């Protein structure tokens, strides 16, 4: 769950809520759906393969970003 929360926060920064209604971006919404199901099912984890393809791609992009950050720090 912490990894999913971090991915949601990453995407919230990349694509902030917009409009007067503060609508979530499609990226955040896709991950929020997974998070909501985890809460409803009282799960502390969920298999990546059980997520929809959009959520999987968003997690993969976030993980790549984190990897790139870690690599840049180790080079410095």
PDB file of N, CA and C in Angstrom:
ATOM      1  N   UNK A   1       0.822  -1.191   0.000  1.00  0.00           N
ATOM      2  CA  UNK A   1       0.000   0.000   0.000  1.00  0.00           C
ATOM      3  C   UNK A   1       0.874   1.265   0.000  1.00  0.00           C
ATOM      4  N   UNK A   2       1.960   1.301   0.753  1.00  0.00           N
ATOM      5  CA  UNK A   2       2.781   2.523   0.718  1.00  0.00           C
ATOM      6  C   UNK A   2       3.305   2.839  -0.681  1.00  0.00           C
ATOM      7  N   UNK A   3       3.660   1.813  -1.451  1.00  0.00           N
ATOM      8  CA  UNK A   3       4.149   2.049  -2.804  1.00  0.00           C
ATOM      9  C   UNK A   3       3.044   2.655  -3.671  1.00  0.00           C
ATOM     10  N   UNK A   4       1.830   2.160  -3.534  1.00  0.00           N
ATOM     11  CA  UNK A   4       0.707   2.707  -4.293  1.00  0.00           C
ATOM     12  C   UNK A   4       0.443   4.155  -3.881  1.00  0.00           C
ATOM     13  N   UNK A   5       0.511   4.433  -2.595  1.00  0.00           N
ATOM     14  CA  UNK A   5       0.329   5.807  -2.116  1.00  0.00           C
ATOM     15  C   UNK A   5       1.390   6.736  -2.704  1.00  0.00           C
ATOM     16  N   UNK A   6       2.635   6.265  -2.765  1.00  0.00           N
ATOM     17  CA  UNK A   6       3.710   7.078  -3.338  1.00  0.00           C
ATOM     18  C   UNK A   6       3.480   7.318  -4.827  1.00  0.00           C
ATOM     19  N   UNK A   7       3.012   6.298  -5.524  1.00  0.00           N
ATOM     20  CA  UNK A   7       2.725   6.454  -6.953  1.00  0.00           C
ATOM     21  C   UNK A   7       1.582   7.447  -7.164  1.00  0.00           C
ATOM     22  N   UNK A   8       0.551   7.371  -6.344  1.00  0.00           N
ATOM     23  CA  UNK A   8      -0.558   8.324  -6.439  1.00  0.00           C
ATOM     24  C   UNK A   8      -0.044   9.738  -6.211  1.00  0.00           C
ATOM     25  N   UNK A   9       0.771   9.927  -5.189  1.00  0.00           N
ATOM     26  CA  UNK A   9       1.303  11.266  -4.905  1.00  0.00           C
ATOM     27  C   UNK A   9       2.188  11.771  -6.039  1.00  0.00           C
ATOM     28  N   UNK A  10       2.975  10.882  -6.639  1.00  0.00           N
ATOM     29  CA  UNK A  10       3.796  11.263  -7.789  1.00  0.00           C
ATOM     30  C   UNK A  10       2.907  11.776  -8.914  1.00  0.00           C
ATOM     31  N   UNK A  11       1.870  11.017  -9.242  1.00  0.00           N
ATOM     32  CA  UNK A  11       0.991  11.416 -10.334  1.00  0.00           C
ATOM     33  C   UNK A  11       0.159  12.646  -9.990  1.00  0.00           C
ATOM     34  N   UNK A  12      -0.154  12.841  -8.713  1.00  0.00           N
ATOM     35  CA  UNK A  12      -0.860  14.069  -8.309  1.00  0.00           C
ATOM     36  C   UNK A  12       0.005  15.292  -8.584  1.00  0.00           C
ATOM     37  N   UNK A  13       1.321  15.150  -8.414  1.00  0.00           N
ATOM     38  CA  UNK A  13       2.224  16.263  -8.705  1.00  0.00           C
ATOM     39  C   UNK A  13       2.383  16.472 -10.205  1.00  0.00           C
ATOM     40  N   UNK A  14       2.406  15.368 -10.956  1.00  0.00           N
ATOM     41  CA  UNK A  14       2.565  15.457 -12.409  1.00  0.00           C
ATOM     42  C   UNK A  14       1.314  16.006 -13.089  1.00  0.00           C
ATOM     43  N   UNK A  15       0.165  15.572 -12.593  1.00  0.00           N
ATOM     44  CA  UNK A  15      -1.119  15.953 -13.181  1.00  0.00           C
ATOM     45  C   UNK A  15      -2.083  16.362 -12.069  1.00  0.00           C
ATOM     46  N   UNK A  16      -1.960  17.589 -11.569  1.00  0.00           N
ATOM     47  CA  UNK A  16      -2.802  18.047 -10.460  1.00  0.00           C
ATOM     48  C   UNK A  16      -4.289  18.089 -10.827  1.00  0.00           C
ATOM     49  N   UNK A  17      -5.107  18.086  -9.804  1.00  0.00           N
ATOM     50  CA  UNK A  17      -6.551  18.220  -9.987  1.00  0.00           C
ATOM     51  C   UNK A  17      -6.832  19.561 -10.653  1.00  0.00           C
ATOM     52  N   UNK A  18      -7.878  19.599 -11.475  1.00  0.00           N
ATOM     53  CA  UNK A  18      -8.184  20.809 -12.230  1.00  0.00           C
ATOM     54  C   UNK A  18      -9.640  21.205 -12.083  1.00  0.00           C
ATOM     55  N   UNK A  19      -9.891  22.460 -12.431  1.00  0.00           N
ATOM     56  CA  UNK A  19     -11.257  22.973 -12.437  1.00  0.00           C
ATOM     57  C   UNK A  19     -11.758  23.323 -11.053  1.00  0.00           C
ATOM     58  N   UNK A  20     -12.896  23.974 -11.043  1.00  0.00           N
ATOM     59  CA  UNK A  20     -13.503  24.364  -9.767  1.00  0.00           C
ATOM     60  C   UNK A  20     -13.861  23.151  -8.920  1.00  0.00           C
ATOM     61  N   UNK A  21     -14.187  22.056  -9.591  1.00  0.00           N
ATOM     62  CA  UNK A  21     -14.564  20.843  -8.860  1.00  0.00           C
ATOM     63  C   UNK A  21     -13.352  20.035  -8.420  1.00  0.00           C
ATOM     64  N   UNK A  22     -12.144  20.497  -8.797  1.00  0.00           N
ATOM     65  CA  UNK A  22     -10.891  19.799  -8.445  1.00  0.00           C
ATOM     66  C   UNK A  22     -10.933  18.335  -8.869  1.00  0.00           C
ATOM     67  N   UNK A  23     -11.323  18.115 -10.113  1.00  0.00           N
ATOM     68  CA  UNK A  23     -11.407  16.754 -10.650  1.00  0.00           C
ATOM     69  C   UNK A  23     -10.028  16.126 -10.727  1.00  0.00           C
ATOM     70  N   UNK A  24      -9.949  14.868 -10.332  1.00  0.00           N
ATOM     71  CA  UNK A  24      -8.689  14.136 -10.414  1.00  0.00           C
ATOM     72  C   UNK A  24      -8.337  13.892 -11.872  1.00  0.00           C
ATOM     73  N   UNK A  25      -7.050  13.861 -12.151  1.00  0.00           N
ATOM     74  CA  UNK A  25      -6.594  13.527 -13.492  1.00  0.00           C
ATOM     75  C   UNK A  25      -6.903  12.054 -13.769  1.00  0.00           C
ATOM     76  N   UNK A  26      -6.949  11.653 -15.037  1.00  0.00           N
ATOM     77  CA  UNK A  26      -7.188  10.235 -15.345  1.00  0.00           C
ATOM     78  C   UNK A  26      -6.143   9.314 -14.706  1.00  0.00           C
ATOM     79  N   UNK A  27      -4.894   9.793 -14.623  1.00  0.00           N
ATOM     80  CA  UNK A  27      -3.835   8.971 -14.031  1.00  0.00           C
ATOM     81  C   UNK A  27      -4.107   8.729 -12.545  1.00  0.00           C
ATOM     82  N   UNK A  28      -4.383   9.794 -11.829  1.00  0.00           N
ATOM     83  CA  UNK A  28      -4.648   9.664 -10.391  1.00  0.00           C
ATOM     84  C   UNK A  28      -5.919   8.853 -10.167  1.00  0.00           C
ATOM     85  N   UNK A  29      -6.910   9.081 -10.980  1.00  0.00           N
ATOM     86  CA  UNK A  29      -8.174   8.366 -10.841  1.00  0.00           C
ATOM     87  C   UNK A  29      -7.987   6.863 -11.025  1.00  0.00           C
ATOM     88  N   UNK A  30      -7.169   6.460 -11.993  1.00  0.00           N
ATOM     89  CA  UNK A  30      -6.927   5.031 -12.229  1.00  0.00           C
ATOM     90  C   UNK A  30      -6.280   4.373 -11.013  1.00  0.00           C
ATOM     91  N   UNK A  31      -5.320   5.060 -10.411  1.00  0.00           N
ATOM     92  CA  UNK A  31      -4.652   4.504  -9.225  1.00  0.00           C
ATOM     93  C   UNK A  31      -5.547   4.596  -7.990  1.00  0.00           C
ATOM     94  N   UNK A  32      -6.359   5.637  -7.919  1.00  0.00           N
ATOM     95  CA  UNK A  32      -7.272   5.786  -6.782  1.00  0.00           C
ATOM     96  C   UNK A  32      -8.311   4.667  -6.770  1.00  0.00           C
ATOM     97  N   UNK A  33      -8.704   4.202  -7.947  1.00  0.00           N
ATOM     98  CA  UNK A  33      -9.640   3.072  -8.012  1.00  0.00           C
ATOM     99  C   UNK A  33      -9.033   1.822  -7.375  1.00  0.00           C
ATOM    100  N   UNK A  34      -7.776   1.572  -7.671  1.00  0.00           N
ATOM    101  CA  UNK A  34      -7.080   0.420  -7.079  1.00  0.00           C
ATOM    102  C   UNK A  34      -7.003   0.591  -5.562  1.00  0.00           C
ATOM    103  N   UNK A  35      -6.649   1.790  -5.130  1.00  0.00           N
ATOM    104  CA  UNK A  35      -6.530   2.093  -3.703  1.00  0.00           C
ATOM    105  C   UNK A  35      -7.869   1.889  -2.998  1.00  0.00           C
ATOM    106  N   UNK A  36      -8.937   2.363  -3.616  1.00  0.00           N
ATOM    107  CA  UNK A  36     -10.272   2.219  -3.016  1.00  0.00           C
ATOM    108  C   UNK A  36     -10.646   0.743  -2.865  1.00  0.00           C
ATOM    109  N   UNK A  37     -10.358  -0.054  -3.875  1.00  0.00           N
ATOM    110  CA  UNK A  37     -10.659  -1.488  -3.778  1.00  0.00           C
ATOM    111  C   UNK A  37      -9.850  -2.161  -2.678  1.00  0.00           C
ATOM    112  N   UNK A  38      -8.617  -1.720  -2.500  1.00  0.00           N
ATOM    113  CA  UNK A  38      -7.804  -2.269  -1.413  1.00  0.00           C
ATOM    114  C   UNK A  38      -8.440  -1.952  -0.058  1.00  0.00           C
ATOM    115  N   UNK A  39      -8.926  -0.732   0.080  1.00  0.00           N
ATOM    116  CA  UNK A  39      -9.565  -0.335   1.335  1.00  0.00           C
ATOM    117  C   UNK A  39     -10.841  -1.143   1.560  1.00  0.00           C
ATOM    118  N   UNK A  40     -11.663  -1.247   0.533  1.00  0.00           N
ATOM    119  CA  UNK A  40     -12.921  -1.989   0.648  1.00  0.00           C
ATOM    120  C   UNK A  40     -12.659  -3.445   1.010  1.00  0.00           C
ATOM    121  N   UNK A  41     -11.645  -4.029   0.384  1.00  0.00           N
ATOM    122  CA  UNK A  41     -11.318  -5.439   0.632  1.00  0.00           C
ATOM    123  C   UNK A  41     -10.400  -5.644   1.832  1.00  0.00           C
ATOM    124  N   UNK A  42     -10.042  -4.553   2.485  1.00  0.00           N
ATOM    125  CA  UNK A  42      -9.137  -4.585   3.631  1.00  0.00           C
ATOM    126  C   UNK A  42      -7.830  -5.310   3.306  1.00  0.00           C
ATOM    127  N   UNK A  43      -7.289  -4.988   2.128  1.00  0.00           N
ATOM    128  CA  UNK A  43      -6.032  -5.578   1.669  1.00  0.00           C
ATOM    129  C   UNK A  43      -4.890  -4.605   1.919  1.00  0.00           C
ATOM    130  N   UNK A  44      -3.756  -5.132   2.280  1.00  0.00           N
ATOM    131  CA  UNK A  44      -2.580  -4.278   2.454  1.00  0.00           C
ATOM    132  C   UNK A  44      -1.684  -4.324   1.220  1.00  0.00           C
ATOM    133  N   UNK A  45      -2.019  -5.215   0.291  1.00  0.00           N
ATOM    134  CA  UNK A  45      -1.251  -5.292  -0.959  1.00  0.00           C
ATOM    135  C   UNK A  45      -2.170  -5.831  -2.053  1.00  0.00           C
ATOM    136  N   UNK A  46      -1.720  -5.608  -3.276  1.00  0.00           N
ATOM    137  CA  UNK A  46      -2.454  -6.112  -4.426  1.00  0.00           C
ATOM    138  C   UNK A  46      -1.427  -6.480  -5.495  1.00  0.00           C
ATOM    139  N   UNK A  47      -1.660  -7.571  -6.183  1.00  0.00           N
ATOM    140  CA  UNK A  47      -0.745  -8.001  -7.243  1.00  0.00           C
ATOM    141  C   UNK A  47      -0.840  -7.056  -8.426  1.00  0.00           C
ATOM    142  N   UNK A  48       0.287  -6.685  -8.950  1.00  0.00           N
ATOM    143  CA  UNK A  48       0.318  -5.787 -10.094  1.00  0.00           C
ATOM    144  C   UNK A  48      -0.481  -6.382 -11.261  1.00  0.00           C
ATOM    145  N   UNK A  49      -0.383  -7.667 -11.440  1.00  0.00           N
ATOM    146  CA  UNK A  49      -1.084  -8.337 -12.538  1.00  0.00           C
ATOM    147  C   UNK A  49      -2.607  -8.246 -12.408  1.00  0.00           C
ATOM    148  N   UNK A  50      -3.101  -8.016 -11.204  1.00  0.00           N
ATOM    149  CA  UNK A  50      -4.553  -7.920 -11.015  1.00  0.00           C
ATOM    150  C   UNK A  50      -5.093  -6.524 -11.306  1.00  0.00           C
ATOM    151  N   UNK A  51      -4.191  -5.563 -11.496  1.00  0.00           N
ATOM    152  CA  UNK A  51      -4.609  -4.193 -11.815  1.00  0.00           C
ATOM    153  C   UNK A  51      -4.899  -4.085 -13.306  1.00  0.00           C
ATOM    154  N   UNK A  52      -5.676  -3.083 -13.663  1.00  0.00           N
ATOM    155  CA  UNK A  52      -5.909  -2.804 -15.072  1.00  0.00           C
ATOM    156  C   UNK A  52      -4.625  -2.356 -15.755  1.00  0.00           C
ATOM    157  N   UNK A  53      -4.626  -2.408 -17.071  1.00  0.00           N
ATOM    158  CA  UNK A  53      -3.405  -2.083 -17.816  1.00  0.00           C
ATOM    159  C   UNK A  53      -2.960  -0.638 -17.620  1.00  0.00           C
ATOM    160  N   UNK A  54      -3.904   0.283 -17.486  1.00  0.00           N
ATOM    161  CA  UNK A  54      -3.537   1.685 -17.272  1.00  0.00           C
ATOM    162  C   UNK A  54      -2.828   1.842 -15.932  1.00  0.00           C
ATOM    163  N   UNK A  55      -3.378   1.256 -14.884  1.00  0.00           N
ATOM    164  CA  UNK A  55      -2.754   1.332 -13.560  1.00  0.00           C
ATOM    165  C   UNK A  55      -1.374   0.683 -13.589  1.00  0.00           C
ATOM    166  N   UNK A  56      -1.240  -0.441 -14.282  1.00  0.00           N
ATOM    167  CA  UNK A  56       0.062  -1.108 -14.393  1.00  0.00           C
ATOM    168  C   UNK A  56       1.078  -0.200 -15.075  1.00  0.00           C
ATOM    169  N   UNK A  57       0.668   0.461 -16.140  1.00  0.00           N
ATOM    170  CA  UNK A  57       1.573   1.367 -16.864  1.00  0.00           C
ATOM    171  C   UNK A  57       1.971   2.558 -15.996  1.00  0.00           C
ATOM    172  N   UNK A  58       1.026   3.076 -15.224  1.00  0.00           N
ATOM    173  CA  UNK A  58       1.320   4.206 -14.343  1.00  0.00           C
ATOM    174  C   UNK A  58       2.304   3.817 -13.248  1.00  0.00           C
ATOM    175  N   UNK A  59       2.123   2.639 -12.674  1.00  0.00           N
ATOM    176  CA  UNK A  59       3.050   2.138 -11.658  1.00  0.00           C
ATOM    177  C   UNK A  59       4.429   1.943 -12.278  1.00  0.00           C
ATOM    178  N   UNK A  60       4.473   1.365 -13.472  1.00  0.00           N
ATOM    179  CA  UNK A  60       5.753   1.142 -14.151  1.00  0.00           C
ATOM    180  C   UNK A  60       6.462   2.468 -14.425  1.00  0.00           C
ATOM    181  N   UNK A  61       5.730   3.477 -14.863  1.00  0.00           N
ATOM    182  CA  UNK A  61       6.335   4.790 -15.138  1.00  0.00           C
ATOM    183  C   UNK A  61       6.847   5.416 -13.851  1.00  0.00           C
ATOM    184  N   UNK A  62       6.100   5.283 -12.759  1.00  0.00           N
ATOM    185  CA  UNK A  62       6.542   5.820 -11.465  1.00  0.00           C
ATOM    186  C   UNK A  62       7.804   5.088 -10.999  1.00  0.00           C
ATOM    187  N   UNK A  63       7.810   3.762 -11.130  1.00  0.00           N
ATOM    188  CA  UNK A  63       8.995   2.985 -10.720  1.00  0.00           C
ATOM    189  C   UNK A  63      10.218   3.393 -11.540  1.00  0.00           C
ATOM    190  N   UNK A  64      10.035   3.622 -12.829  1.00  0.00           N
ATOM    191  CA  UNK A  64      11.145   4.053 -13.678  1.00  0.00           C
ATOM    192  C   UNK A  64      11.659   5.409 -13.226  1.00  0.00           C
ATOM    193  N   UNK A  65      10.755   6.301 -12.878  1.00  0.00           N
ATOM    194  CA  UNK A  65      11.149   7.615 -12.364  1.00  0.00           C
ATOM    195  C   UNK A  65      11.974   7.465 -11.088  1.00  0.00           C
ATOM    196  N   UNK A  66      11.531   6.609 -10.185  1.00  0.00           N
ATOM    197  CA  UNK A  66      12.251   6.393  -8.934  1.00  0.00           C
ATOM    198  C   UNK A  66      13.628   5.781  -9.197  1.00  0.00           C
ATOM    199  N   UNK A  67      13.703   4.853 -10.136  1.00  0.00           N
ATOM    200  CA  UNK A  67      14.970   4.236 -10.511  1.00  0.00           C
ATOM    201  C   UNK A  67      15.921   5.292 -11.075  1.00  0.00           C
ATOM    202  N   UNK A  68      15.390   6.139 -11.959  1.00  0.00           N
ATOM    203  CA  UNK A  68      16.208   7.201 -12.551  1.00  0.00           C
ATOM    204  C   UNK A  68      16.748   8.159 -11.487  1.00  0.00           C
ATOM    205  N   UNK A  69      15.901   8.493 -10.522  1.00  0.00           N
ATOM    206  CA  UNK A  69      16.348   9.369  -9.411  1.00  0.00           C
ATOM    207  C   UNK A  69      17.465   8.720  -8.614  1.00  0.00           C
ATOM    208  N   UNK A  70      17.290   7.446  -8.278  1.00  0.00           N
ATOM    209  CA  UNK A  70      18.290   6.739  -7.503  1.00  0.00           C
ATOM    210  C   UNK A  70      19.598   6.629  -8.286  1.00  0.00           C
ATOM    211  N   UNK A  71      19.510   6.373  -9.576  1.00  0.00           N
ATOM    212  CA  UNK A  71      20.713   6.268 -10.411  1.00  0.00           C
ATOM    213  C   UNK A  71      21.438   7.609 -10.488  1.00  0.00           C
ATOM    214  N   UNK A  72      20.692   8.685 -10.628  1.00  0.00           N
ATOM    215  CA  UNK A  72      21.299  10.010 -10.705  1.00  0.00           C
ATOM    216  C   UNK A  72      21.996  10.363  -9.400  1.00  0.00           C
ATOM    217  N   UNK A  73      21.419   9.964  -8.278  1.00  0.00           N
ATOM    218  CA  UNK A  73      22.025  10.256  -6.980  1.00  0.00           C
ATOM    219  C   UNK A  73      23.308   9.460  -6.782  1.00  0.00           C
ATOM    220  N   UNK A  74      23.327   8.218  -7.264  1.00  0.00           N
ATOM    221  CA  UNK A  74      24.519   7.394  -7.062  1.00  0.00           C
ATOM    222  C   UNK A  74      25.671   7.842  -7.946  1.00  0.00           C
ATOM    223  N   UNK A  75      25.382   8.507  -9.035  1.00  0.00           N
ATOM    224  CA  UNK A  75      26.419   9.011  -9.938  1.00  0.00           C
ATOM    225  C   UNK A  75      27.042  10.283  -9.376  1.00  0.00           C
ATOM    226  N   UNK A  76      26.256  11.067  -8.685  1.00  0.00           N
ATOM    227  CA  UNK A  76      26.734  12.351  -8.145  1.00  0.00           C
ATOM    228  C   UNK A  76      27.787  12.207  -7.100  1.00  0.00           C
TER     229      UNK A  76
END
